[in-house]
Amino acid sequence: MEISFRQIHLKWHCDSICRCVSFPNTKQTEQSCKKLFVIVAIINCILTAVLIVTTYYWKWHVRSLTSSGNTDETRLCLKCEKIFVHPIDDENILNDLERTNNGTKCCTKNTSQLKHLVHQFLERNHRIHMAKEGLIIPQCHDDTNEEKPAGRLVGVDHNRRGTDYEDRHTLQWQNERDYSYQTPGVKFTNGQLQITTPGYYWFNSRVTFRDTNTTIWNDRYAFFHTIYRRSAEYPLRKDSKLVEAGKTRCKLRSVFADRSSFIGDIAYFKKGESIIVKVSHPEMVSSSATDSFLEVRLY
């Protein structure tokens, strides 16, 4: 009866974790149940720890994704070296940007700044793309020794100025002066350079302004220097602006701090199109061959 009672007691003690089998040696049975209990307890501890660590990791991961997602939706970042501000825009816009990555990236959440940065970025990339296309455009002739289409006009002819507003502000150039030339593909027509060989051209112009006795300033302290493309259908089609520069006159003096303006760019010209230079004050443009000129050449 004593042995049977001990076996029943051991069975009740191990019933939750094992199913004990009666052995002739009851002491061996008790030790086996204790070992099994310890093993099960260790396994439960390990599984509980893994569950806690996994739950914490996923909570942290979801929180990080949520926070980063909100940031990407409201902030735009560009490389600071690729951001350019137009002269007429507020130059302090760069100071208002948030700089990251040791100052190499500029970020902003302001809506107006976002529109400005995107516009400037796309415009610059478009110019780079157009310039690269000009590098690989096929030539119209195979002889590498042949001169490329080019032309240069120096000195402004003030005697040929037009009467209406557009013609009055359009500069008429001289072709008989020194340093003026045209090669096949570009010709001199009505005081301008006209393209006869289509392609990508590099064009530039320089004008020098000088005060005259007939200049009436009032409150106007700026002048503009602009290059236009003129279609073969002119005046049915208006001139299209290519590039422009502006300068401010010194308010306390009667002269400009820098009286010369130089602008240039690359653009595609069709056959029959002309390159036109317009200024805000044509009477102030110097007629010297070294002060004012217009130049174009196939890129």
Protein backbone atom coordinates (compact mmCIF):
# COMPACT_ATOMS: atom_id res chain seq x y z
CA MET A 1 0.00 0.00 0.00
CA GLU A 2 2.87 2.37 0.66
CA ILE A 3 4.28 1.89 -2.84
CA SER A 4 0.91 2.45 -4.47
CA PHE A 5 0.34 5.64 -2.50
CA ARG A 6 3.73 7.11 -3.55
CA GLN A 7 3.07 6.26 -7.20
CA ILE A 8 -0.30 8.00 -7.05
CA HIS A 9 1.32 11.06 -5.44
CA LEU A 10 3.99 11.26 -8.17
CA LYS A 11 1.34 10.97 -10.86
CA TRP A 12 -0.61 13.88 -9.42
CA HIS A 13 2.55 16.01 -9.12
CA CYS A 14 3.62 15.54 -12.76
CA ASP A 15 0.21 15.44 -14.39
CA SER A 16 0.38 19.04 -15.81
CA ILE A 17 3.69 18.55 -17.58
CA CYS A 18 4.14 14.84 -18.18
CA ARG A 19 2.56 11.50 -18.08
CA CYS A 20 4.49 9.40 -15.62
CA VAL A 21 4.60 5.67 -15.99
CA SER A 22 4.92 3.45 -12.93
CA PHE A 23 8.26 1.84 -12.67
CA PRO A 24 9.40 -0.62 -10.16
CA ASN A 25 11.87 2.07 -9.03
CA THR A 26 9.75 5.03 -7.90
CA LYS A 27 12.77 7.22 -7.18
CA GLN A 28 13.93 7.04 -10.81
CA THR A 29 10.44 8.00 -11.94
CA GLU A 30 10.43 11.12 -9.78
CA GLN A 31 13.82 12.28 -11.11
CA SER A 32 12.69 11.85 -14.73
CA CYS A 33 9.62 14.01 -14.15
CA LYS A 34 11.68 16.76 -12.51
CA LYS A 35 14.11 16.83 -15.44
CA LEU A 36 11.25 17.08 -17.91
CA PHE A 37 9.69 19.91 -15.89
CA VAL A 38 12.96 21.87 -15.98
CA ILE A 39 13.31 21.38 -19.74
CA VAL A 40 9.76 22.53 -20.43
CA ALA A 41 10.26 25.60 -18.21
CA ILE A 42 13.45 26.57 -20.06
CA ILE A 43 11.73 26.22 -23.44
CA ASN A 44 8.82 28.38 -22.28
CA CYS A 45 11.22 31.10 -21.09
CA ILE A 46 13.04 31.10 -24.44
CA LEU A 47 9.80 31.33 -26.45
CA THR A 48 8.52 34.14 -24.24
CA ALA A 49 11.76 36.13 -24.71
CA VAL A 50 11.64 35.65 -28.49
CA LEU A 51 8.03 36.81 -28.59
CA ILE A 52 8.80 39.94 -26.58
CA VAL A 53 11.82 40.85 -28.74
CA THR A 54 9.89 40.25 -31.99
CA THR A 55 6.95 42.37 -30.85
CA TYR A 56 9.21 45.26 -29.84
CA TYR A 57 11.11 45.10 -33.15
CA TRP A 58 7.99 45.28 -35.31
CA LYS A 59 6.58 48.16 -33.28
CA TRP A 60 9.83 50.09 -33.77
CA HIS A 61 9.95 49.21 -37.49
CA VAL A 62 6.36 50.34 -38.12
CA ARG A 63 6.95 53.57 -36.20
CA SER A 64 10.09 54.36 -38.23
CA LEU A 65 8.30 53.71 -41.53
CA THR A 66 5.42 55.94 -40.52
CA SER A 67 7.62 58.83 -39.48
CA SER A 68 9.83 58.62 -42.58
CA GLY A 69 6.77 58.45 -44.82
CA ASN A 70 5.37 61.67 -43.40
CA THR A 71 8.68 63.42 -43.94
CA ASP A 72 8.95 62.37 -47.58
CA GLU A 73 5.45 63.67 -48.32
CA THR A 74 6.11 67.17 -47.01
CA ARG A 75 9.78 67.83 -47.73
CA LEU A 76 11.85 68.07 -50.91
CA CYS A 77 15.62 67.72 -50.88
CA LEU A 78 18.05 68.57 -53.70
CA LYS A 79 21.80 68.85 -53.89
CA CYS A 80 22.73 72.39 -52.93
CA GLU A 81 25.18 72.63 -55.83
CA LYS A 82 22.31 72.09 -58.31
CA ILE A 83 20.13 74.90 -56.95
CA PHE A 84 20.29 78.21 -58.84
CA VAL A 85 18.40 81.38 -57.96
CA HIS A 86 17.22 83.72 -60.71
CA PRO A 87 18.60 87.28 -60.32
CA ILE A 88 15.11 88.76 -59.94
CA ASP A 89 14.18 86.30 -57.17
CA ASP A 90 14.88 86.77 -53.48
CA GLU A 91 18.50 85.81 -52.92
CA ASN A 92 17.71 84.91 -49.30
CA ILE A 93 15.83 81.81 -50.43
CA LEU A 94 18.99 79.73 -50.06
CA ASN A 95 19.41 80.88 -46.47
CA ASP A 96 15.89 79.68 -45.63
CA LEU A 97 16.54 76.13 -46.77
CA GLU A 98 17.28 73.35 -44.30
CA ARG A 99 20.70 71.86 -44.97
CA THR A 100 21.44 68.17 -44.29
CA ASN A 101 24.25 65.69 -44.96
CA ASN A 102 26.95 68.15 -43.84
CA GLY A 103 25.44 70.94 -45.91
CA THR A 104 25.38 69.06 -49.23
CA LYS A 105 21.58 68.75 -49.43
CA CYS A 106 19.05 71.58 -49.22
CA CYS A 107 15.52 70.74 -48.05
CA THR A 108 12.34 72.77 -47.69
CA LYS A 109 8.68 72.32 -46.73
CA ASN A 110 7.50 75.72 -48.00
CA THR A 111 5.12 75.44 -50.97
CA SER A 112 6.46 78.45 -52.86
CA GLN A 113 10.04 77.33 -52.35
CA LEU A 114 9.12 73.84 -53.54
CA LYS A 115 7.72 75.23 -56.81
CA HIS A 116 10.79 77.44 -57.29
CA LEU A 117 13.29 74.63 -56.67
CA VAL A 118 11.48 72.21 -58.98
CA HIS A 119 11.25 74.84 -61.75
CA GLN A 120 14.93 75.77 -61.50
CA PHE A 121 16.00 72.12 -61.33
CA LEU A 122 13.99 71.10 -64.41
CA GLU A 123 15.08 74.18 -66.38
CA ARG A 124 18.76 73.51 -65.69
CA ASN A 125 18.44 69.82 -66.59
CA HIS A 126 16.69 70.80 -69.84
CA ARG A 127 19.53 73.14 -70.78
CA ILE A 128 22.12 70.44 -70.04
CA HIS A 129 20.14 67.94 -72.12
CA MET A 130 19.91 70.35 -75.05
CA ALA A 131 23.64 71.09 -74.84
CA LYS A 132 24.49 67.37 -74.87
CA GLU A 133 22.30 66.86 -77.92
CA GLY A 134 24.20 69.65 -79.63
CA LEU A 135 27.46 67.78 -79.02
CA ILE A 136 26.31 64.66 -80.86
CA ILE A 137 24.24 66.26 -83.63
CA PRO A 138 25.49 65.09 -87.08
CA GLN A 139 27.21 67.66 -89.26
CA CYS A 140 25.84 68.61 -92.66
CA HIS A 141 29.24 68.14 -94.31
CA ASP A 142 31.91 65.46 -94.07
CA ASP A 143 34.96 67.63 -94.74
CA THR A 144 36.38 68.42 -91.29
CA ASN A 145 38.64 71.09 -92.77
CA GLU A 146 35.68 73.06 -94.11
CA GLU A 147 34.67 76.09 -92.08
CA LYS A 148 31.58 75.68 -89.93
CA PRO A 149 28.70 78.12 -90.36
CA ALA A 150 29.52 81.24 -88.34
CA GLY A 151 29.05 84.98 -88.38
CA ARG A 152 30.05 88.11 -86.51
CA LEU A 153 28.78 91.68 -86.67
CA VAL A 154 30.40 94.58 -84.84
CA GLY A 155 29.32 98.16 -84.26
CA VAL A 156 25.75 99.42 -84.09
CA ASP A 157 24.35 101.42 -87.01
CA HIS A 158 22.26 104.15 -85.33
CA ASN A 159 21.24 105.61 -88.71
CA ARG A 160 19.12 102.53 -89.58
CA ARG A 161 16.93 102.51 -86.49
CA GLY A 162 13.23 101.75 -87.12
CA THR A 163 10.22 103.89 -86.33
CA ASP A 164 7.83 101.59 -84.44
CA TYR A 165 8.49 100.38 -80.90
CA GLU A 166 9.88 96.94 -81.83
CA ASP A 167 12.20 98.20 -84.56
CA ARG A 168 13.24 101.21 -82.50
CA HIS A 169 14.64 98.91 -79.78
CA THR A 170 16.17 96.39 -82.21
CA LEU A 171 19.86 96.98 -82.86
CA GLN A 172 21.00 97.25 -86.49
CA TRP A 173 24.55 96.04 -87.05
CA GLN A 174 27.28 97.03 -89.50
CA ASN A 175 28.89 94.48 -91.79
CA GLU A 176 31.66 96.51 -93.36
CA ARG A 177 33.58 97.13 -90.15
CA ASP A 178 36.73 95.26 -89.16
CA TYR A 179 36.29 91.87 -87.51
CA SER A 180 32.92 91.31 -89.22
CA TYR A 181 32.55 88.09 -91.23
CA GLN A 182 30.12 85.40 -92.38
CA THR A 183 30.83 81.87 -93.59
CA PRO A 184 28.49 79.68 -95.69
CA GLY A 185 25.48 78.81 -93.57
CA VAL A 186 25.11 82.31 -92.06
CA LYS A 187 24.42 85.50 -94.01
CA PHE A 188 23.98 89.21 -93.35
CA THR A 189 20.39 90.38 -94.00
CA ASN A 190 18.82 93.73 -93.04
CA GLY A 191 21.39 94.45 -90.35
CA GLN A 192 21.03 91.00 -88.75
CA LEU A 193 22.53 87.49 -88.93
CA GLN A 194 20.27 84.97 -90.67
CA ILE A 195 20.74 81.19 -90.46
CA THR A 196 20.70 79.27 -93.75
CA THR A 197 22.07 75.96 -92.41
CA PRO A 198 19.86 74.55 -89.62
CA GLY A 199 21.47 73.20 -86.45
CA TYR A 200 22.45 73.95 -82.87
CA TYR A 201 24.28 77.29 -82.61
CA TRP A 202 26.21 79.02 -79.88
CA PHE A 203 25.29 82.71 -79.95
CA ASN A 204 26.46 85.65 -77.84
CA SER A 205 26.26 89.41 -77.78
CA ARG A 206 27.95 92.23 -75.95
CA VAL A 207 26.71 95.80 -75.66
CA THR A 208 28.27 98.76 -73.88
CA PHE A 209 26.03 101.57 -72.66
CA ARG A 210 27.10 105.19 -72.38
CA ASP A 211 25.31 108.31 -71.11
CA THR A 212 24.33 110.95 -73.66
CA ASN A 213 23.13 114.52 -73.40
CA THR A 214 19.71 113.52 -74.75
CA THR A 215 19.15 110.70 -72.25
CA ILE A 216 16.11 111.39 -70.04
CA TRP A 217 16.20 109.21 -66.96
CA ASN A 218 13.44 110.33 -64.64
CA ASP A 219 13.13 107.44 -62.16
CA ARG A 220 14.31 104.63 -64.44
CA TYR A 221 17.50 103.13 -63.09
CA ALA A 222 17.81 99.89 -65.11
CA PHE A 223 18.48 98.81 -68.69
CA PHE A 224 17.97 95.44 -70.39
CA HIS A 225 19.91 93.49 -73.00
CA THR A 226 17.96 90.68 -74.75
CA ILE A 227 18.56 88.22 -77.61
CA TYR A 228 15.54 87.06 -79.63
CA ARG A 229 14.84 84.49 -82.33
CA ARG A 230 13.06 86.00 -85.35
CA SER A 231 11.04 83.65 -87.56
CA ALA A 232 11.11 83.74 -91.35
CA GLU A 233 7.37 84.60 -91.16
CA TYR A 234 8.03 87.85 -89.24
CA PRO A 235 6.01 90.04 -88.61
CA LEU A 236 3.21 87.45 -88.81
CA ARG A 237 4.97 85.57 -86.01
CA LYS A 238 6.39 87.48 -83.05
CA ASP A 239 9.99 87.25 -81.92
CA SER A 240 10.71 84.69 -79.19
CA LYS A 241 13.02 85.56 -76.30
CA LEU A 242 16.13 83.39 -75.87
CA VAL A 243 18.19 85.05 -73.11
CA GLU A 244 18.11 88.36 -71.23
CA ALA A 245 20.24 90.35 -68.79
CA GLY A 246 19.50 93.46 -66.77
CA LYS A 247 21.65 96.00 -64.97
CA THR A 248 20.87 98.63 -62.37
CA ARG A 249 22.07 102.20 -62.70
CA CYS A 250 23.84 103.81 -59.75
CA LYS A 251 21.33 106.09 -58.04
CA LEU A 252 23.84 108.55 -56.62
CA ARG A 253 25.92 108.95 -59.77
CA SER A 254 25.29 109.61 -63.44
CA VAL A 255 27.15 106.51 -64.66
CA PHE A 256 26.79 102.76 -64.35
CA ALA A 257 28.93 100.67 -62.04
CA ASP A 258 29.40 98.22 -64.94
CA ARG A 259 28.30 99.54 -68.32
CA SER A 260 28.93 96.36 -70.34
CA SER A 261 26.56 93.42 -70.69
CA PHE A 262 27.50 90.04 -72.18
CA ILE A 263 24.98 87.22 -72.70
CA GLY A 264 24.95 83.97 -74.67
CA ASP A 265 23.40 80.52 -74.92
CA ILE A 266 22.88 77.47 -77.17
CA ALA A 267 19.72 76.96 -79.23
CA TYR A 268 18.47 75.20 -82.34
CA PHE A 269 17.79 77.43 -85.36
CA LYS A 270 15.81 76.56 -88.46
CA LYS A 271 16.63 77.74 -91.95
CA GLY A 272 15.57 81.36 -92.45
CA GLU A 273 15.51 82.30 -88.75
CA SER A 274 17.48 85.34 -87.58
CA ILE A 275 19.19 86.33 -84.33
CA ILE A 276 17.98 89.70 -83.03
CA VAL A 277 19.37 91.89 -80.24
CA LYS A 278 17.06 94.33 -78.45
CA VAL A 279 17.89 96.82 -75.70
CA SER A 280 15.83 99.11 -73.48
CA HIS A 281 17.90 102.21 -74.34
CA PRO A 282 19.24 101.88 -77.91
CA GLU A 283 20.43 105.50 -77.98
CA MET A 284 22.94 104.63 -75.24
CA VAL A 285 24.61 101.70 -77.03
CA SER A 286 28.15 102.40 -78.15
CA SER A 287 28.81 102.01 -81.88
CA SER A 288 32.45 101.04 -81.33
CA ALA A 289 33.49 97.73 -82.90
CA THR A 290 35.12 96.60 -79.66
CA ASP A 291 32.27 97.68 -77.38
CA SER A 292 29.26 96.06 -79.06
CA PHE A 293 28.99 92.96 -81.24
CA LEU A 294 26.85 89.93 -82.16
CA GLU A 295 28.38 86.52 -82.83
CA VAL A 296 27.04 83.07 -83.80
CA ARG A 297 28.64 79.76 -84.79
CA LEU A 298 27.54 76.18 -85.31
CA TYR A 299 27.98 74.24 -82.10
